Amino acid sequence: MRLILLLALIAVIYFVFFDERDAWIAFVYPDQTNDLIYQTIFDLDSYEDCRAEAIEMMGMMNWNEAVYECGRDCEYQSILGIYVCEEMRPNLTFF
């Protein structure tokens, strides 16, 4: 029983402190001429998921002039009022 509890504790510590899973955010801009207005989709597992979710949102909302970009491992910087990401991948079709 103690061994099971010890293994569970080790697993929790690993996932809290050492899990290197990338987290992606989709930034969808309904009007490609205004980058101040956007919708976000959080906690996506990959760039491919981010891209698919952004395209799905644009279609569901009928945003014909929309563009998107995907950010990996983003952190909101409250002083700047923006997200700062380790990597950004724009929708190159529009940008």
N, C-alpha and C. Protein backbone atom coordinates (compact mmCIF):
# COMPACT_ATOMS: atom_id res chain seq x y z
N MET A 1 0.82 -1.20 0.00
CA MET A 1 0.00 0.00 0.00
C MET A 1 0.87 1.27 0.00
N ARG A 2 1.93 1.23 0.81
CA ARG A 2 2.83 2.38 0.87
C ARG A 2 3.51 2.61 -0.47
N LEU A 3 3.83 1.54 -1.15
CA LEU A 3 4.48 1.66 -2.46
C LEU A 3 3.56 2.34 -3.46
N ILE A 4 2.29 2.01 -3.44
CA ILE A 4 1.32 2.63 -4.34
C ILE A 4 1.20 4.13 -4.03
N LEU A 5 1.12 4.48 -2.77
CA LEU A 5 1.04 5.89 -2.38
C LEU A 5 2.31 6.64 -2.78
N LEU A 6 3.46 6.02 -2.61
CA LEU A 6 4.72 6.65 -2.99
C LEU A 6 4.77 6.86 -4.50
N LEU A 7 4.37 5.88 -5.27
CA LEU A 7 4.36 6.02 -6.73
C LEU A 7 3.37 7.10 -7.18
N ALA A 8 2.23 7.17 -6.53
CA ALA A 8 1.25 8.21 -6.86
C ALA A 8 1.82 9.59 -6.55
N LEU A 9 2.48 9.73 -5.42
CA LEU A 9 3.10 11.01 -5.05
C LEU A 9 4.19 11.41 -6.05
N ILE A 10 5.00 10.47 -6.46
CA ILE A 10 6.04 10.75 -7.45
C ILE A 10 5.41 11.18 -8.77
N ALA A 11 4.34 10.52 -9.19
CA ALA A 11 3.67 10.90 -10.43
C ALA A 11 3.10 12.31 -10.35
N VAL A 12 2.49 12.65 -9.26
CA VAL A 12 1.93 14.00 -9.08
C VAL A 12 3.04 15.04 -9.13
N ILE A 13 4.12 14.79 -8.42
CA ILE A 13 5.25 15.74 -8.43
C ILE A 13 5.80 15.89 -9.83
N TYR A 14 5.94 14.81 -10.56
CA TYR A 14 6.44 14.88 -11.93
C TYR A 14 5.54 15.75 -12.80
N PHE A 15 4.25 15.51 -12.77
CA PHE A 15 3.35 16.25 -13.65
C PHE A 15 3.22 17.71 -13.24
N VAL A 16 3.38 18.01 -11.98
CA VAL A 16 3.30 19.40 -11.54
C VAL A 16 4.56 20.17 -11.90
N PHE A 17 5.73 19.56 -11.72
CA PHE A 17 6.97 20.30 -11.86
C PHE A 17 7.75 20.02 -13.15
N PHE A 18 7.56 18.86 -13.75
CA PHE A 18 8.42 18.48 -14.86
C PHE A 18 7.70 18.20 -16.17
N ASP A 19 6.41 18.30 -16.19
CA ASP A 19 5.67 18.03 -17.43
C ASP A 19 5.97 19.13 -18.43
N GLU A 20 6.50 18.75 -19.58
CA GLU A 20 6.90 19.71 -20.61
C GLU A 20 5.86 19.83 -21.72
N ARG A 21 4.63 19.46 -21.45
CA ARG A 21 3.59 19.53 -22.46
C ARG A 21 3.39 20.98 -22.91
N ASP A 22 3.41 21.16 -24.21
CA ASP A 22 3.16 22.49 -24.75
C ASP A 22 1.67 22.80 -24.67
N ALA A 23 1.36 24.02 -24.34
CA ALA A 23 -0.03 24.48 -24.34
C ALA A 23 -0.15 25.56 -25.41
N TRP A 24 -1.12 25.44 -26.27
CA TRP A 24 -1.34 26.37 -27.37
C TRP A 24 -2.59 27.19 -27.12
N ILE A 25 -2.58 28.43 -27.60
CA ILE A 25 -3.74 29.31 -27.56
C ILE A 25 -3.99 29.80 -28.98
N ALA A 26 -5.25 29.77 -29.40
CA ALA A 26 -5.63 30.34 -30.70
C ALA A 26 -6.13 31.76 -30.46
N PHE A 27 -5.61 32.68 -31.24
CA PHE A 27 -6.07 34.07 -31.23
C PHE A 27 -6.77 34.30 -32.56
N VAL A 28 -8.07 34.54 -32.51
CA VAL A 28 -8.87 34.71 -33.74
C VAL A 28 -9.31 36.17 -33.82
N TYR A 29 -8.95 36.82 -34.91
CA TYR A 29 -9.26 38.23 -35.14
C TYR A 29 -10.39 38.32 -36.17
N PRO A 30 -11.61 38.68 -35.75
CA PRO A 30 -12.74 38.74 -36.68
C PRO A 30 -12.51 39.69 -37.85
N ASP A 31 -11.80 40.78 -37.60
CA ASP A 31 -11.51 41.77 -38.64
C ASP A 31 -10.00 41.89 -38.75
N GLN A 32 -9.46 41.44 -39.88
CA GLN A 32 -8.01 41.39 -40.01
C GLN A 32 -7.34 42.76 -39.99
N THR A 33 -8.12 43.84 -40.06
CA THR A 33 -7.53 45.18 -40.00
C THR A 33 -7.47 45.73 -38.58
N ASN A 34 -8.01 44.98 -37.60
CA ASN A 34 -8.04 45.45 -36.21
C ASN A 34 -7.53 44.34 -35.30
N ASP A 35 -6.28 44.46 -34.86
CA ASP A 35 -5.72 43.42 -34.00
C ASP A 35 -6.00 43.64 -32.52
N LEU A 36 -6.80 44.64 -32.19
CA LEU A 36 -7.18 44.87 -30.81
C LEU A 36 -8.40 44.07 -30.38
N ILE A 37 -9.15 43.59 -31.35
CA ILE A 37 -10.36 42.80 -31.06
C ILE A 37 -10.09 41.37 -31.49
N TYR A 38 -10.12 40.45 -30.52
CA TYR A 38 -9.86 39.05 -30.83
C TYR A 38 -10.57 38.15 -29.83
N GLN A 39 -10.74 36.91 -30.22
CA GLN A 39 -11.28 35.85 -29.35
C GLN A 39 -10.16 34.84 -29.12
N THR A 40 -10.14 34.25 -27.96
CA THR A 40 -9.11 33.25 -27.66
C THR A 40 -9.74 31.89 -27.40
N ILE A 41 -8.99 30.87 -27.76
CA ILE A 41 -9.35 29.49 -27.44
C ILE A 41 -8.14 28.93 -26.70
N PHE A 42 -8.34 28.55 -25.44
CA PHE A 42 -7.24 28.16 -24.57
C PHE A 42 -7.03 26.65 -24.51
N ASP A 43 -5.86 26.29 -24.02
CA ASP A 43 -5.50 24.92 -23.62
C ASP A 43 -5.63 23.91 -24.75
N LEU A 44 -5.02 24.22 -25.86
CA LEU A 44 -4.99 23.29 -26.99
C LEU A 44 -3.68 22.51 -26.96
N ASP A 45 -3.73 21.27 -27.41
CA ASP A 45 -2.59 20.37 -27.25
C ASP A 45 -1.50 20.50 -28.30
N SER A 46 -1.81 21.03 -29.47
CA SER A 46 -0.81 21.08 -30.53
C SER A 46 -1.14 22.24 -31.48
N TYR A 47 -0.19 22.54 -32.34
CA TYR A 47 -0.43 23.57 -33.35
C TYR A 47 -1.58 23.14 -34.27
N GLU A 48 -1.60 21.87 -34.61
CA GLU A 48 -2.67 21.37 -35.49
C GLU A 48 -4.04 21.55 -34.86
N ASP A 49 -4.15 21.27 -33.54
CA ASP A 49 -5.42 21.48 -32.83
C ASP A 49 -5.78 22.96 -32.81
N CYS A 50 -4.78 23.81 -32.58
CA CYS A 50 -5.00 25.25 -32.54
C CYS A 50 -5.55 25.75 -33.88
N ARG A 51 -4.88 25.34 -34.94
CA ARG A 51 -5.29 25.75 -36.30
C ARG A 51 -6.71 25.28 -36.59
N ALA A 52 -7.01 24.02 -36.27
CA ALA A 52 -8.33 23.46 -36.55
C ALA A 52 -9.42 24.19 -35.76
N GLU A 53 -9.17 24.46 -34.48
CA GLU A 53 -10.16 25.16 -33.66
C GLU A 53 -10.39 26.59 -34.14
N ALA A 54 -9.32 27.26 -34.55
CA ALA A 54 -9.46 28.63 -35.06
C ALA A 54 -10.29 28.65 -36.34
N ILE A 55 -9.99 27.74 -37.24
CA ILE A 55 -10.74 27.67 -38.51
C ILE A 55 -12.20 27.33 -38.24
N GLU A 56 -12.43 26.41 -37.30
CA GLU A 56 -13.82 26.05 -36.96
C GLU A 56 -14.56 27.25 -36.39
N MET A 57 -13.93 28.02 -35.50
CA MET A 57 -14.58 29.20 -34.93
C MET A 57 -14.92 30.21 -36.03
N MET A 58 -13.98 30.44 -36.93
CA MET A 58 -14.21 31.41 -38.01
C MET A 58 -15.39 30.99 -38.87
N GLY A 59 -15.50 29.69 -39.13
CA GLY A 59 -16.62 29.20 -39.93
C GLY A 59 -17.95 29.29 -39.19
N MET A 60 -17.95 28.90 -37.93
CA MET A 60 -19.19 28.94 -37.14
C MET A 60 -19.71 30.36 -36.97
N MET A 61 -18.81 31.31 -36.86
CA MET A 61 -19.20 32.70 -36.65
C MET A 61 -19.39 33.46 -37.97
N ASN A 62 -19.15 32.78 -39.08
CA ASN A 62 -19.25 33.42 -40.40
C ASN A 62 -18.36 34.66 -40.52
N TRP A 63 -17.16 34.53 -39.97
CA TRP A 63 -16.19 35.63 -40.05
C TRP A 63 -15.35 35.45 -41.32
N ASN A 64 -15.84 36.00 -42.41
CA ASN A 64 -15.18 35.82 -43.70
C ASN A 64 -13.87 36.59 -43.82
N GLU A 65 -13.72 37.64 -43.04
CA GLU A 65 -12.51 38.46 -43.09
C GLU A 65 -11.59 38.17 -41.90
N ALA A 66 -11.84 37.08 -41.20
CA ALA A 66 -11.07 36.77 -39.99
C ALA A 66 -9.71 36.18 -40.33
N VAL A 67 -8.80 36.35 -39.38
CA VAL A 67 -7.49 35.71 -39.44
C VAL A 67 -7.20 35.15 -38.04
N TYR A 68 -6.20 34.31 -37.95
CA TYR A 68 -5.85 33.74 -36.66
C TYR A 68 -4.34 33.59 -36.56
N GLU A 69 -3.90 33.41 -35.34
CA GLU A 69 -2.53 32.99 -35.08
C GLU A 69 -2.54 32.10 -33.86
N CYS A 70 -1.56 31.23 -33.78
CA CYS A 70 -1.46 30.28 -32.69
C CYS A 70 -0.21 30.57 -31.88
N GLY A 71 -0.37 30.60 -30.56
CA GLY A 71 0.76 30.85 -29.67
C GLY A 71 1.02 29.65 -28.78
N ARG A 72 2.31 29.32 -28.63
CA ARG A 72 2.71 28.20 -27.79
C ARG A 72 3.30 28.71 -26.48
N ASP A 73 2.85 28.11 -25.38
CA ASP A 73 3.34 28.43 -24.04
C ASP A 73 3.27 29.94 -23.77
N CYS A 74 2.07 30.46 -23.84
CA CYS A 74 1.83 31.90 -23.66
C CYS A 74 1.58 32.22 -22.19
N GLU A 75 1.98 33.42 -21.83
CA GLU A 75 1.74 33.91 -20.48
C GLU A 75 1.21 35.33 -20.59
N TYR A 76 0.14 35.60 -19.87
CA TYR A 76 -0.44 36.94 -19.92
C TYR A 76 0.41 37.88 -19.07
N GLN A 77 0.84 38.97 -19.67
CA GLN A 77 1.63 39.99 -18.98
C GLN A 77 0.71 41.15 -18.64
N SER A 78 0.25 41.19 -17.40
CA SER A 78 -0.74 42.19 -17.01
C SER A 78 -0.21 43.62 -17.12
N ILE A 79 1.07 43.82 -16.91
CA ILE A 79 1.64 45.16 -17.03
C ILE A 79 1.53 45.67 -18.47
N LEU A 80 1.79 44.78 -19.42
CA LEU A 80 1.72 45.14 -20.84
C LEU A 80 0.30 45.00 -21.40
N GLY A 81 -0.51 44.15 -20.76
CA GLY A 81 -1.86 43.91 -21.25
C GLY A 81 -1.90 43.02 -22.47
N ILE A 82 -0.88 42.16 -22.64
CA ILE A 82 -0.82 41.27 -23.81
C ILE A 82 -0.32 39.90 -23.38
N TYR A 83 -0.51 38.93 -24.28
CA TYR A 83 0.07 37.62 -24.10
C TYR A 83 1.46 37.62 -24.73
N VAL A 84 2.40 37.04 -24.02
CA VAL A 84 3.75 36.85 -24.54
C VAL A 84 3.94 35.35 -24.67
N CYS A 85 4.28 34.90 -25.87
CA CYS A 85 4.37 33.48 -26.16
C CYS A 85 5.79 33.08 -26.54
N GLU A 86 6.13 31.83 -26.23
CA GLU A 86 7.43 31.30 -26.64
C GLU A 86 7.52 31.24 -28.16
N GLU A 87 6.40 30.95 -28.81
CA GLU A 87 6.36 30.84 -30.27
C GLU A 87 5.01 31.31 -30.77
N MET A 88 5.00 32.02 -31.88
CA MET A 88 3.76 32.43 -32.54
C MET A 88 3.80 31.95 -33.98
N ARG A 89 2.69 31.37 -34.42
CA ARG A 89 2.56 30.95 -35.81
C ARG A 89 1.33 31.62 -36.41
N PRO A 90 1.54 32.58 -37.29
CA PRO A 90 0.40 33.27 -37.91
C PRO A 90 -0.20 32.42 -39.02
N ASN A 91 -1.43 32.77 -39.37
CA ASN A 91 -2.07 32.20 -40.55
C ASN A 91 -1.44 32.91 -41.74
N LEU A 92 -0.49 32.29 -42.36
CA LEU A 92 0.31 32.95 -43.40
C LEU A 92 -0.49 33.31 -44.65
N THR A 93 -1.67 32.73 -44.78
CA THR A 93 -2.52 33.06 -45.92
C THR A 93 -2.93 34.52 -45.88
N PHE A 94 -3.10 35.08 -44.68
CA PHE A 94 -3.63 36.43 -44.56
C PHE A 94 -2.62 37.44 -44.06
N PHE A 95 -1.67 37.03 -43.23
CA PHE A 95 -0.73 38.00 -42.64
C PHE A 95 0.35 38.36 -43.63
